[in-house]
Every structure is written in C-alpha cells, then in structure tokens.
Amino acid sequence: MIDYIKLNCELPPIEKPLYDEDAETWDLYFEEKDNPHPYLENDLVCLPFDSHGEATQIFNESLEIHTEEQKILAKKLAEEEVGKLKRLPHADDGNRPQGR
C-alpha cells in the first residue's frame, strides 16, 4: 500500500483516518500526485481500511516518509546555497577596487 501511496499521492495525508459509517471503513485522504491536466485541480484519493489500526499505521508511515523527504530536500537546498556562496567573490581575494 505504501508503494501505491508514494507513486500516486502527495504526502502527507490530508488528515487523520476518518470513519465512514456507510462503508464501515477507516479512510485516509490524499491529494492526487502529478495531475497531467494543467487546468484541473488535483483530485482526492481515498484509501479505505478495514481497521483503525491499519489506517493509523499507514498514516504514520506516510508521515515518516514525508518527514524524510523534507529532510533530504532541506539538505539539498542548503548544499546548493553553500555552492552559490562559494562562487561569490570575497573581499579578501583581490577583487576589490584599488584605493588611493
């Protein structure tokens, strides 16, 4: 199930598992990932589970994956910023205009 979520859904889930009385399932809602239609909003993806425990487990795993992805993204962005700073001229490297 997690593989399906990673492939088709934006993380994190929209909210904690909700009980659907009509279907007698615990539902997790996600936003659709990679909508190919530029003028249409992303659809909601509803994944039903038979038990609250199973829905909560998938909810928690989804949050953990999202947290790890955010850490990796933050590290990558920080490395890019450091690279940009290294390419800037510094005051002590001889690039200053000569004074009288």
PDB file of N, CA and C in Angstrom:
ATOM      1  N   MET A   1       0.821  -1.196   0.000  1.00  0.00           N
ATOM      2  CA  MET A   1       0.000   0.000   0.000  1.00  0.00           C
ATOM      3  C   MET A   1       0.867   1.262   0.000  1.00  0.00           C
ATOM      4  N   ILE A   2       1.959   1.241   0.767  1.00  0.00           N
ATOM      5  CA  ILE A   2       2.841   2.403   0.827  1.00  0.00           C
ATOM      6  C   ILE A   2       3.427   2.701  -0.551  1.00  0.00           C
ATOM      7  N   ASP A   3       3.776   1.667  -1.307  1.00  0.00           N
ATOM      8  CA  ASP A   3       4.326   1.879  -2.649  1.00  0.00           C
ATOM      9  C   ASP A   3       3.304   2.594  -3.537  1.00  0.00           C
ATOM     10  N   TYR A   4       2.041   2.206  -3.435  1.00  0.00           N
ATOM     11  CA  TYR A   4       0.977   2.865  -4.198  1.00  0.00           C
ATOM     12  C   TYR A   4       0.870   4.331  -3.784  1.00  0.00           C
ATOM     13  N   ILE A   5       0.915   4.590  -2.497  1.00  0.00           N
ATOM     14  CA  ILE A   5       0.787   5.954  -1.979  1.00  0.00           C
ATOM     15  C   ILE A   5       1.954   6.814  -2.473  1.00  0.00           C
ATOM     16  N   LYS A   6       3.180   6.295  -2.373  1.00  0.00           N
ATOM     17  CA  LYS A   6       4.343   7.053  -2.820  1.00  0.00           C
ATOM     18  C   LYS A   6       4.276   7.368  -4.313  1.00  0.00           C
ATOM     19  N   LEU A   7       3.726   6.465  -5.087  1.00  0.00           N
ATOM     20  CA  LEU A   7       3.650   6.631  -6.529  1.00  0.00           C
ATOM     21  C   LEU A   7       2.526   7.579  -6.966  1.00  0.00           C
ATOM     22  N   ASN A   8       1.394   7.532  -6.273  1.00  0.00           N
ATOM     23  CA  ASN A   8       0.189   8.219  -6.748  1.00  0.00           C
ATOM     24  C   ASN A   8      -0.328   9.366  -5.894  1.00  0.00           C
ATOM     25  N   CYS A   9       0.228   9.552  -4.699  1.00  0.00           N
ATOM     26  CA  CYS A   9      -0.349  10.516  -3.762  1.00  0.00           C
ATOM     27  C   CYS A   9       0.681  11.522  -3.272  1.00  0.00           C
ATOM     28  N   GLU A  10       0.208  12.753  -3.050  1.00  0.00           N
ATOM     29  CA  GLU A  10       1.031  13.773  -2.398  1.00  0.00           C
ATOM     30  C   GLU A  10       1.046  13.472  -0.904  1.00  0.00           C
ATOM     31  N   LEU A  11       2.217  13.593  -0.322  1.00  0.00           N
ATOM     32  CA  LEU A  11       2.341  13.408   1.118  1.00  0.00           C
ATOM     33  C   LEU A  11       2.453  14.774   1.771  1.00  0.00           C
ATOM     34  N   PRO A  12       2.019  14.914   2.975  1.00  0.00           N
ATOM     35  CA  PRO A  12       1.411  13.945   3.883  1.00  0.00           C
ATOM     36  C   PRO A  12      -0.078  13.769   3.587  1.00  0.00           C
ATOM     37  N   PRO A  13      -0.709  12.815   4.287  1.00  0.00           N
ATOM     38  CA  PRO A  13      -2.165  12.677   4.150  1.00  0.00           C
ATOM     39  C   PRO A  13      -2.844  13.991   4.556  1.00  0.00           C
ATOM     40  N   ILE A  14      -4.025  14.208   4.031  1.00  0.00           N
ATOM     41  CA  ILE A  14      -4.741  15.455   4.305  1.00  0.00           C
ATOM     42  C   ILE A  14      -5.149  15.560   5.771  1.00  0.00           C
ATOM     43  N   GLU A  15      -5.549  14.437   6.355  1.00  0.00           N
ATOM     44  CA  GLU A  15      -5.916  14.425   7.777  1.00  0.00           C
ATOM     45  C   GLU A  15      -5.826  13.006   8.320  1.00  0.00           C
ATOM     46  N   LYS A  16      -6.042  12.885   9.620  1.00  0.00           N
ATOM     47  CA  LYS A  16      -6.017  11.565  10.260  1.00  0.00           C
ATOM     48  C   LYS A  16      -7.137  10.693   9.696  1.00  0.00           C
ATOM     49  N   PRO A  17      -7.045   9.368   9.903  1.00  0.00           N
ATOM     50  CA  PRO A  17      -8.094   8.472   9.384  1.00  0.00           C
ATOM     51  C   PRO A  17      -9.491   8.872   9.879  1.00  0.00           C
ATOM     52  N   LEU A  18     -10.438   8.830   8.957  1.00  0.00           N
ATOM     53  CA  LEU A  18     -11.837   9.155   9.266  1.00  0.00           C
ATOM     54  C   LEU A  18     -12.688   7.901   9.099  1.00  0.00           C
ATOM     55  N   TYR A  19     -13.637   7.730  10.000  1.00  0.00           N
ATOM     56  CA  TYR A  19     -14.510   6.566   9.911  1.00  0.00           C
ATOM     57  C   TYR A  19     -15.680   6.867   8.987  1.00  0.00           C
ATOM     58  N   ASP A  20     -15.901   5.978   8.028  1.00  0.00           N
ATOM     59  CA  ASP A  20     -17.037   6.074   7.106  1.00  0.00           C
ATOM     60  C   ASP A  20     -18.089   5.081   7.585  1.00  0.00           C
ATOM     61  N   GLU A  21     -19.160   5.587   8.199  1.00  0.00           N
ATOM     62  CA  GLU A  21     -20.196   4.725   8.766  1.00  0.00           C
ATOM     63  C   GLU A  21     -20.913   3.903   7.706  1.00  0.00           C
ATOM     64  N   ASP A  22     -21.143   4.484   6.539  1.00  0.00           N
ATOM     65  CA  ASP A  22     -21.851   3.770   5.475  1.00  0.00           C
ATOM     66  C   ASP A  22     -21.062   2.560   4.985  1.00  0.00           C
ATOM     67  N   ALA A  23     -19.753   2.750   4.780  1.00  0.00           N
ATOM     68  CA  ALA A  23     -18.921   1.657   4.265  1.00  0.00           C
ATOM     69  C   ALA A  23     -18.291   0.838   5.380  1.00  0.00           C
ATOM     70  N   GLU A  24     -18.358   1.347   6.614  1.00  0.00           N
ATOM     71  CA  GLU A  24     -17.727   0.720   7.771  1.00  0.00           C
ATOM     72  C   GLU A  24     -16.232   0.519   7.545  1.00  0.00           C
ATOM     73  N   THR A  25     -15.593   1.590   7.049  1.00  0.00           N
ATOM     74  CA  THR A  25     -14.148   1.568   6.827  1.00  0.00           C
ATOM     75  C   THR A  25     -13.515   2.812   7.434  1.00  0.00           C
ATOM     76  N   TRP A  26     -12.221   2.727   7.640  1.00  0.00           N
ATOM     77  CA  TRP A  26     -11.433   3.877   8.069  1.00  0.00           C
ATOM     78  C   TRP A  26     -10.720   4.398   6.833  1.00  0.00           C
ATOM     79  N   ASP A  27     -10.975   5.654   6.484  1.00  0.00           N
ATOM     80  CA  ASP A  27     -10.483   6.206   5.232  1.00  0.00           C
ATOM     81  C   ASP A  27      -9.368   7.213   5.455  1.00  0.00           C
ATOM     82  N   LEU A  28      -8.366   7.126   4.574  1.00  0.00           N
ATOM     83  CA  LEU A  28      -7.292   8.115   4.521  1.00  0.00           C
ATOM     84  C   LEU A  28      -7.422   8.874   3.211  1.00  0.00           C
ATOM     85  N   TYR A  29      -7.293  10.182   3.287  1.00  0.00           N
ATOM     86  CA  TYR A  29      -7.405  11.017   2.096  1.00  0.00           C
ATOM     87  C   TYR A  29      -6.056  11.655   1.767  1.00  0.00           C
ATOM     88  N   PHE A  30      -5.733  11.606   0.481  1.00  0.00           N
ATOM     89  CA  PHE A  30      -4.521  12.212  -0.049  1.00  0.00           C
ATOM     90  C   PHE A  30      -4.895  13.054  -1.255  1.00  0.00           C
ATOM     91  N   GLU A  31      -4.015  13.985  -1.588  1.00  0.00           N
ATOM     92  CA  GLU A  31      -4.178  14.718  -2.839  1.00  0.00           C
ATOM     93  C   GLU A  31      -3.479  13.924  -3.934  1.00  0.00           C
ATOM     94  N   GLU A  32      -4.090  13.909  -5.104  1.00  0.00           N
ATOM     95  CA  GLU A  32      -3.535  13.196  -6.250  1.00  0.00           C
ATOM     96  C   GLU A  32      -2.177  13.797  -6.629  1.00  0.00           C
ATOM     97  N   LYS A  33      -1.249  12.929  -7.022  1.00  0.00           N
ATOM     98  CA  LYS A  33       0.088  13.358  -7.409  1.00  0.00           C
ATOM     99  C   LYS A  33       0.210  13.413  -8.928  1.00  0.00           C
ATOM    100  N   ASP A  34       0.933  14.415  -9.416  1.00  0.00           N
ATOM    101  CA  ASP A  34       1.268  14.527 -10.838  1.00  0.00           C
ATOM    102  C   ASP A  34       0.050  14.510 -11.754  1.00  0.00           C
ATOM    103  N   ASN A  35      -0.888  15.372 -11.463  1.00  0.00           N
ATOM    104  CA  ASN A  35      -2.067  15.520 -12.318  1.00  0.00           C
ATOM    105  C   ASN A  35      -1.604  15.998 -13.691  1.00  0.00           C
ATOM    106  N   PRO A  36      -1.913  15.260 -14.764  1.00  0.00           N
ATOM    107  CA  PRO A  36      -1.441  15.654 -16.095  1.00  0.00           C
ATOM    108  C   PRO A  36      -2.232  16.803 -16.725  1.00  0.00           C
ATOM    109  N   HIS A  37      -3.338  17.188 -16.118  1.00  0.00           N
ATOM    110  CA  HIS A  37      -4.188  18.233 -16.686  1.00  0.00           C
ATOM    111  C   HIS A  37      -3.835  19.584 -16.069  1.00  0.00           C
ATOM    112  N   PRO A  38      -3.277  20.508 -16.857  1.00  0.00           N
ATOM    113  CA  PRO A  38      -2.814  21.778 -16.287  1.00  0.00           C
ATOM    114  C   PRO A  38      -3.923  22.692 -15.791  1.00  0.00           C
ATOM    115  N   TYR A  39      -5.147  22.504 -16.264  1.00  0.00           N
ATOM    116  CA  TYR A  39      -6.232  23.407 -15.872  1.00  0.00           C
ATOM    117  C   TYR A  39      -7.190  22.806 -14.858  1.00  0.00           C
ATOM    118  N   LEU A  40      -6.965  21.560 -14.479  1.00  0.00           N
ATOM    119  CA  LEU A  40      -7.830  20.902 -13.498  1.00  0.00           C
ATOM    120  C   LEU A  40      -7.100  20.756 -12.180  1.00  0.00           C
ATOM    121  N   GLU A  41      -7.838  20.925 -11.092  1.00  0.00           N
ATOM    122  CA  GLU A  41      -7.248  20.731  -9.775  1.00  0.00           C
ATOM    123  C   GLU A  41      -6.993  19.248  -9.542  1.00  0.00           C
ATOM    124  N   ASN A  42      -6.065  18.966  -8.620  1.00  0.00           N
ATOM    125  CA  ASN A  42      -5.807  17.580  -8.264  1.00  0.00           C
ATOM    126  C   ASN A  42      -7.031  16.980  -7.578  1.00  0.00           C
ATOM    127  N   ASP A  43      -7.292  15.727  -7.884  1.00  0.00           N
ATOM    128  CA  ASP A  43      -8.393  15.014  -7.238  1.00  0.00           C
ATOM    129  C   ASP A  43      -7.949  14.527  -5.867  1.00  0.00           C
ATOM    130  N   LEU A  44      -8.930  14.136  -5.070  1.00  0.00           N
ATOM    131  CA  LEU A  44      -8.636  13.472  -3.807  1.00  0.00           C
ATOM    132  C   LEU A  44      -8.583  11.972  -4.038  1.00  0.00           C
ATOM    133  N   VAL A  45      -7.654  11.338  -3.366  1.00  0.00           N
ATOM    134  CA  VAL A  45      -7.549   9.885  -3.396  1.00  0.00           C
ATOM    135  C   VAL A  45      -7.964   9.399  -2.016  1.00  0.00           C
ATOM    136  N   CYS A  46      -8.984   8.549  -1.967  1.00  0.00           N
ATOM    137  CA  CYS A  46      -9.470   7.978  -0.707  1.00  0.00           C
ATOM    138  C   CYS A  46      -9.070   6.518  -0.655  1.00  0.00           C
ATOM    139  N   LEU A  47      -8.341   6.153   0.392  1.00  0.00           N
ATOM    140  CA  LEU A  47      -7.945   4.764   0.581  1.00  0.00           C
ATOM    141  C   LEU A  47      -8.658   4.207   1.807  1.00  0.00           C
ATOM    142  N   PRO A  48      -9.527   3.214   1.608  1.00  0.00           N
ATOM    143  CA  PRO A  48     -10.278   2.640   2.738  1.00  0.00           C
ATOM    144  C   PRO A  48      -9.506   1.502   3.409  1.00  0.00           C
ATOM    145  N   PHE A  49      -9.642   1.401   4.718  1.00  0.00           N
ATOM    146  CA  PHE A  49      -9.018   0.334   5.504  1.00  0.00           C
ATOM    147  C   PHE A  49     -10.063  -0.299   6.396  1.00  0.00           C
ATOM    148  N   ASP A  50      -9.899  -1.587   6.637  1.00  0.00           N
ATOM    149  CA  ASP A  50     -10.862  -2.319   7.455  1.00  0.00           C
ATOM    150  C   ASP A  50     -10.786  -1.967   8.937  1.00  0.00           C
ATOM    151  N   SER A  51      -9.596  -1.579   9.393  1.00  0.00           N
ATOM    152  CA  SER A  51      -9.461  -1.293  10.821  1.00  0.00           C
ATOM    153  C   SER A  51      -8.794   0.057  11.049  1.00  0.00           C
ATOM    154  N   HIS A  52      -9.075   0.617  12.214  1.00  0.00           N
ATOM    155  CA  HIS A  52      -8.455   1.877  12.609  1.00  0.00           C
ATOM    156  C   HIS A  52      -6.947   1.696  12.756  1.00  0.00           C
ATOM    157  N   GLY A  53      -6.530   0.565  13.284  1.00  0.00           N
ATOM    158  CA  GLY A  53      -5.111   0.289  13.476  1.00  0.00           C
ATOM    159  C   GLY A  53      -4.346   0.283  12.164  1.00  0.00           C
ATOM    160  N   GLU A  54      -4.914  -0.361  11.158  1.00  0.00           N
ATOM    161  CA  GLU A  54      -4.264  -0.421   9.852  1.00  0.00           C
ATOM    162  C   GLU A  54      -4.189   0.978   9.224  1.00  0.00           C
ATOM    163  N   ALA A  55      -5.263   1.727   9.300  1.00  0.00           N
ATOM    164  CA  ALA A  55      -5.283   3.088   8.747  1.00  0.00           C
ATOM    165  C   ALA A  55      -4.275   3.978   9.466  1.00  0.00           C
ATOM    166  N   THR A  56      -4.206   3.843  10.792  1.00  0.00           N
ATOM    167  CA  THR A  56      -3.266   4.643  11.578  1.00  0.00           C
ATOM    168  C   THR A  56      -1.825   4.269  11.250  1.00  0.00           C
ATOM    169  N   GLN A  57      -1.553   2.992  11.053  1.00  0.00           N
ATOM    170  CA  GLN A  57      -0.207   2.548  10.696  1.00  0.00           C
ATOM    171  C   GLN A  57       0.233   3.173   9.367  1.00  0.00           C
ATOM    172  N   ILE A  58      -0.634   3.124   8.366  1.00  0.00           N
ATOM    173  CA  ILE A  58      -0.319   3.703   7.061  1.00  0.00           C
ATOM    174  C   ILE A  58      -0.200   5.223   7.168  1.00  0.00           C
ATOM    175  N   PHE A  59      -1.055   5.841   7.962  1.00  0.00           N
ATOM    176  CA  PHE A  59      -0.976   7.281   8.201  1.00  0.00           C
ATOM    177  C   PHE A  59       0.395   7.641   8.775  1.00  0.00           C
ATOM    178  N   ASN A  60       0.832   6.914   9.808  1.00  0.00           N
ATOM    179  CA  ASN A  60       2.122   7.186  10.450  1.00  0.00           C
ATOM    180  C   ASN A  60       3.288   6.933   9.501  1.00  0.00           C
ATOM    181  N   GLU A  61       3.235   5.855   8.735  1.00  0.00           N
ATOM    182  CA  GLU A  61       4.287   5.568   7.761  1.00  0.00           C
ATOM    183  C   GLU A  61       4.359   6.677   6.711  1.00  0.00           C
ATOM    184  N   SER A  62       3.217   7.160   6.278  1.00  0.00           N
ATOM    185  CA  SER A  62       3.176   8.244   5.298  1.00  0.00           C
ATOM    186  C   SER A  62       3.807   9.513   5.857  1.00  0.00           C
ATOM    187  N   LEU A  63       3.534   9.812   7.118  1.00  0.00           N
ATOM    188  CA  LEU A  63       4.135  10.983   7.756  1.00  0.00           C
ATOM    189  C   LEU A  63       5.650  10.834   7.867  1.00  0.00           C
ATOM    190  N   GLU A  64       6.117   9.632   8.213  1.00  0.00           N
ATOM    191  CA  GLU A  64       7.555   9.386   8.319  1.00  0.00           C
ATOM    192  C   GLU A  64       8.237   9.574   6.963  1.00  0.00           C
ATOM    193  N   ILE A  65       7.637   9.053   5.904  1.00  0.00           N
ATOM    194  CA  ILE A  65       8.194   9.209   4.557  1.00  0.00           C
ATOM    195  C   ILE A  65       8.246  10.683   4.183  1.00  0.00           C
ATOM    196  N   HIS A  66       7.169  11.407   4.472  1.00  0.00           N
ATOM    197  CA  HIS A  66       7.123  12.843   4.169  1.00  0.00           C
ATOM    198  C   HIS A  66       8.224  13.587   4.933  1.00  0.00           C
ATOM    199  N   THR A  67       8.406  13.276   6.200  1.00  0.00           N
ATOM    200  CA  THR A  67       9.424  13.926   7.019  1.00  0.00           C
ATOM    201  C   THR A  67      10.813  13.665   6.452  1.00  0.00           C
ATOM    202  N   GLU A  68      11.088  12.428   6.075  1.00  0.00           N
ATOM    203  CA  GLU A  68      12.392  12.085   5.491  1.00  0.00           C
ATOM    204  C   GLU A  68      12.607  12.811   4.166  1.00  0.00           C
ATOM    205  N   GLU A  69      11.583  12.867   3.333  1.00  0.00           N
ATOM    206  CA  GLU A  69      11.691  13.580   2.054  1.00  0.00           C
ATOM    207  C   GLU A  69      11.980  15.062   2.289  1.00  0.00           C
ATOM    208  N   GLN A  70      11.362  15.658   3.298  1.00  0.00           N
ATOM    209  CA  GLN A  70      11.580  17.066   3.603  1.00  0.00           C
ATOM    210  C   GLN A  70      13.003  17.301   4.107  1.00  0.00           C
ATOM    211  N   LYS A  71      13.535  16.370   4.903  1.00  0.00           N
ATOM    212  CA  LYS A  71      14.919  16.486   5.382  1.00  0.00           C
ATOM    213  C   LYS A  71      15.894  16.430   4.209  1.00  0.00           C
ATOM    214  N   ILE A  72      15.667  15.513   3.284  1.00  0.00           N
ATOM    215  CA  ILE A  72      16.542  15.377   2.110  1.00  0.00           C
ATOM    216  C   ILE A  72      16.476  16.642   1.262  1.00  0.00           C
ATOM    217  N   LEU A  73      15.277  17.161   1.062  1.00  0.00           N
ATOM    218  CA  LEU A  73      15.106  18.383   0.279  1.00  0.00           C
ATOM    219  C   LEU A  73      15.807  19.565   0.958  1.00  0.00           C
ATOM    220  N   ALA A  74      15.661  19.692   2.270  1.00  0.00           N
ATOM    221  CA  ALA A  74      16.293  20.788   3.001  1.00  0.00           C
ATOM    222  C   ALA A  74      17.815  20.689   2.898  1.00  0.00           C
ATOM    223  N   LYS A  75      18.356  19.491   3.002  1.00  0.00           N
ATOM    224  CA  LYS A  75      19.802  19.294   2.895  1.00  0.00           C
ATOM    225  C   LYS A  75      20.283  19.671   1.493  1.00  0.00           C
ATOM    226  N   LYS A  76      19.545  19.260   0.475  1.00  0.00           N
ATOM    227  CA  LYS A  76      19.911  19.580  -0.907  1.00  0.00           C
ATOM    228  C   LYS A  76      19.894  21.090  -1.132  1.00  0.00           C
ATOM    229  N   LEU A  77      18.855  21.761  -0.648  1.00  0.00           N
ATOM    230  CA  LEU A  77      18.760  23.217  -0.800  1.00  0.00           C
ATOM    231  C   LEU A  77      19.895  23.926  -0.059  1.00  0.00           C
ATOM    232  N   ALA A  78      20.245  23.439   1.122  1.00  0.00           N
ATOM    233  CA  ALA A  78      21.347  24.035   1.888  1.00  0.00           C
ATOM    234  C   ALA A  78      22.664  23.855   1.145  1.00  0.00           C
ATOM    235  N   GLU A  79      22.883  22.684   0.562  1.00  0.00           N
ATOM    236  CA  GLU A  79      24.105  22.439  -0.210  1.00  0.00           C
ATOM    237  C   GLU A  79      24.170  23.349  -1.430  1.00  0.00           C
ATOM    238  N   GLU A  80      23.042  23.579  -2.082  1.00  0.00           N
ATOM    239  CA  GLU A  80      23.008  24.483  -3.233  1.00  0.00           C
ATOM    240  C   GLU A  80      23.350  25.907  -2.815  1.00  0.00           C
ATOM    241  N   GLU A  81      22.846  26.340  -1.665  1.00  0.00           N
ATOM    242  CA  GLU A  81      23.130  27.684  -1.178  1.00  0.00           C
ATOM    243  C   GLU A  81      24.609  27.831  -0.844  1.00  0.00           C
ATOM    244  N   VAL A  82      25.199  26.814  -0.226  1.00  0.00           N
ATOM    245  CA  VAL A  82      26.628  26.847   0.094  1.00  0.00           C
ATOM    246  C   VAL A  82      27.432  26.933  -1.198  1.00  0.00           C
ATOM    247  N   GLY A  83      27.026  26.187  -2.211  1.00  0.00           N
ATOM    248  CA  GLY A  83      27.706  26.243  -3.501  1.00  0.00           C
ATOM    249  C   GLY A  83      27.637  27.628  -4.122  1.00  0.00           C
ATOM    250  N   LYS A  84      26.486  28.271  -4.006  1.00  0.00           N
ATOM    251  CA  LYS A  84      26.344  29.632  -4.539  1.00  0.00           C
ATOM    252  C   LYS A  84      27.256  30.604  -3.797  1.00  0.00           C
ATOM    253  N   LEU A  85      27.323  30.464  -2.465  1.00  0.00           N
ATOM    254  CA  LEU A  85      28.157  31.355  -1.667  1.00  0.00           C
ATOM    255  C   LEU A  85      29.637  31.165  -1.991  1.00  0.00           C
ATOM    256  N   LYS A  86      30.044  29.945  -2.268  1.00  0.00           N
ATOM    257  CA  LYS A  86      31.444  29.679  -2.595  1.00  0.00           C
ATOM    258  C   LYS A  86      31.843  30.326  -3.911  1.00  0.00           C
ATOM    259  N   ARG A  87      30.889  30.511  -4.808  1.00  0.00           N
ATOM    260  CA  ARG A  87      31.186  31.111  -6.106  1.00  0.00           C
ATOM    261  C   ARG A  87      31.210  32.643  -6.062  1.00  0.00           C
ATOM    262  N   LEU A  88      30.744  33.248  -4.988  1.00  0.00           N
ATOM    263  CA  LEU A  88      30.749  34.704  -4.876  1.00  0.00           C
ATOM    264  C   LEU A  88      32.158  35.204  -4.589  1.00  0.00           C
ATOM    265  N   PRO A  89      32.543  36.364  -5.156  1.00  0.00           N
ATOM    266  CA  PRO A  89      33.858  36.926  -4.830  1.00  0.00           C
ATOM    267  C   PRO A  89      33.873  37.407  -3.376  1.00  0.00           C
ATOM    268  N   HIS A  90      35.010  37.234  -2.732  1.00  0.00           N
ATOM    269  CA  HIS A  90      35.151  37.648  -1.330  1.00  0.00           C
ATOM    270  C   HIS A  90      35.997  38.910  -1.256  1.00  0.00           C
ATOM    271  N   ALA A  91      35.862  39.663  -0.195  1.00  0.00           N
ATOM    272  CA  ALA A  91      36.573  40.935  -0.025  1.00  0.00           C
ATOM    273  C   ALA A  91      38.081  40.743   0.033  1.00  0.00           C
ATOM    274  N   ASP A  92      38.549  39.601   0.499  1.00  0.00           N
ATOM    275  CA  ASP A  92      39.988  39.401   0.669  1.00  0.00           C
ATOM    276  C   ASP A  92      40.638  38.635  -0.481  1.00  0.00           C
ATOM    277  N   ASP A  93      39.971  38.477  -1.607  1.00  0.00           N
ATOM    278  CA  ASP A  93      40.561  37.696  -2.702  1.00  0.00           C
ATOM    279  C   ASP A  93      41.097  38.557  -3.843  1.00  0.00           C
ATOM    280  N   GLY A  94      41.295  39.855  -3.594  1.00  0.00           N
ATOM    281  CA  GLY A  94      41.898  40.703  -4.606  1.00  0.00           C
ATOM    282  C   GLY A  94      40.928  41.282  -5.607  1.00  0.00           C
ATOM    283  N   ASN A  95      39.644  41.131  -5.414  1.00  0.00           N
ATOM    284  CA  ASN A  95      38.661  41.648  -6.357  1.00  0.00           C
ATOM    285  C   ASN A  95      38.152  43.042  -5.977  1.00  0.00           C
ATOM    286  N   ARG A  96      38.778  43.645  -4.983  1.00  0.00           N
ATOM    287  CA  ARG A  96      38.364  44.980  -4.570  1.00  0.00           C
ATOM    288  C   ARG A  96      39.004  46.026  -5.471  1.00  0.00           C
ATOM    289  N   PRO A  97      38.299  47.132  -5.695  1.00  0.00           N
ATOM    290  CA  PRO A  97      38.935  48.211  -6.451  1.00  0.00           C
ATOM    291  C   PRO A  97      40.089  48.808  -5.622  1.00  0.00           C
ATOM    292  N   GLN A  98      41.116  49.203  -6.301  1.00  0.00           N
ATOM    293  CA  GLN A  98      42.284  49.777  -5.622  1.00  0.00           C
ATOM    294  C   GLN A  98      41.993  51.210  -5.197  1.00  0.00           C
ATOM    295  N   GLY A  99      42.282  51.534  -3.956  1.00  0.00           N
ATOM    296  CA  GLY A  99      42.080  52.883  -3.441  1.00  0.00           C
ATOM    297  C   GLY A  99      43.357  53.704  -3.576  1.00  0.00           C
ATOM    298  N   ARG A 100      43.272  55.009  -3.342  1.00  0.00           N
ATOM    299  CA  ARG A 100      44.444  55.863  -3.453  1.00  0.00           C
ATOM    300  C   ARG A 100      45.173  55.925  -2.174  1.00  0.00           C
TER     301      ARG A 100
END
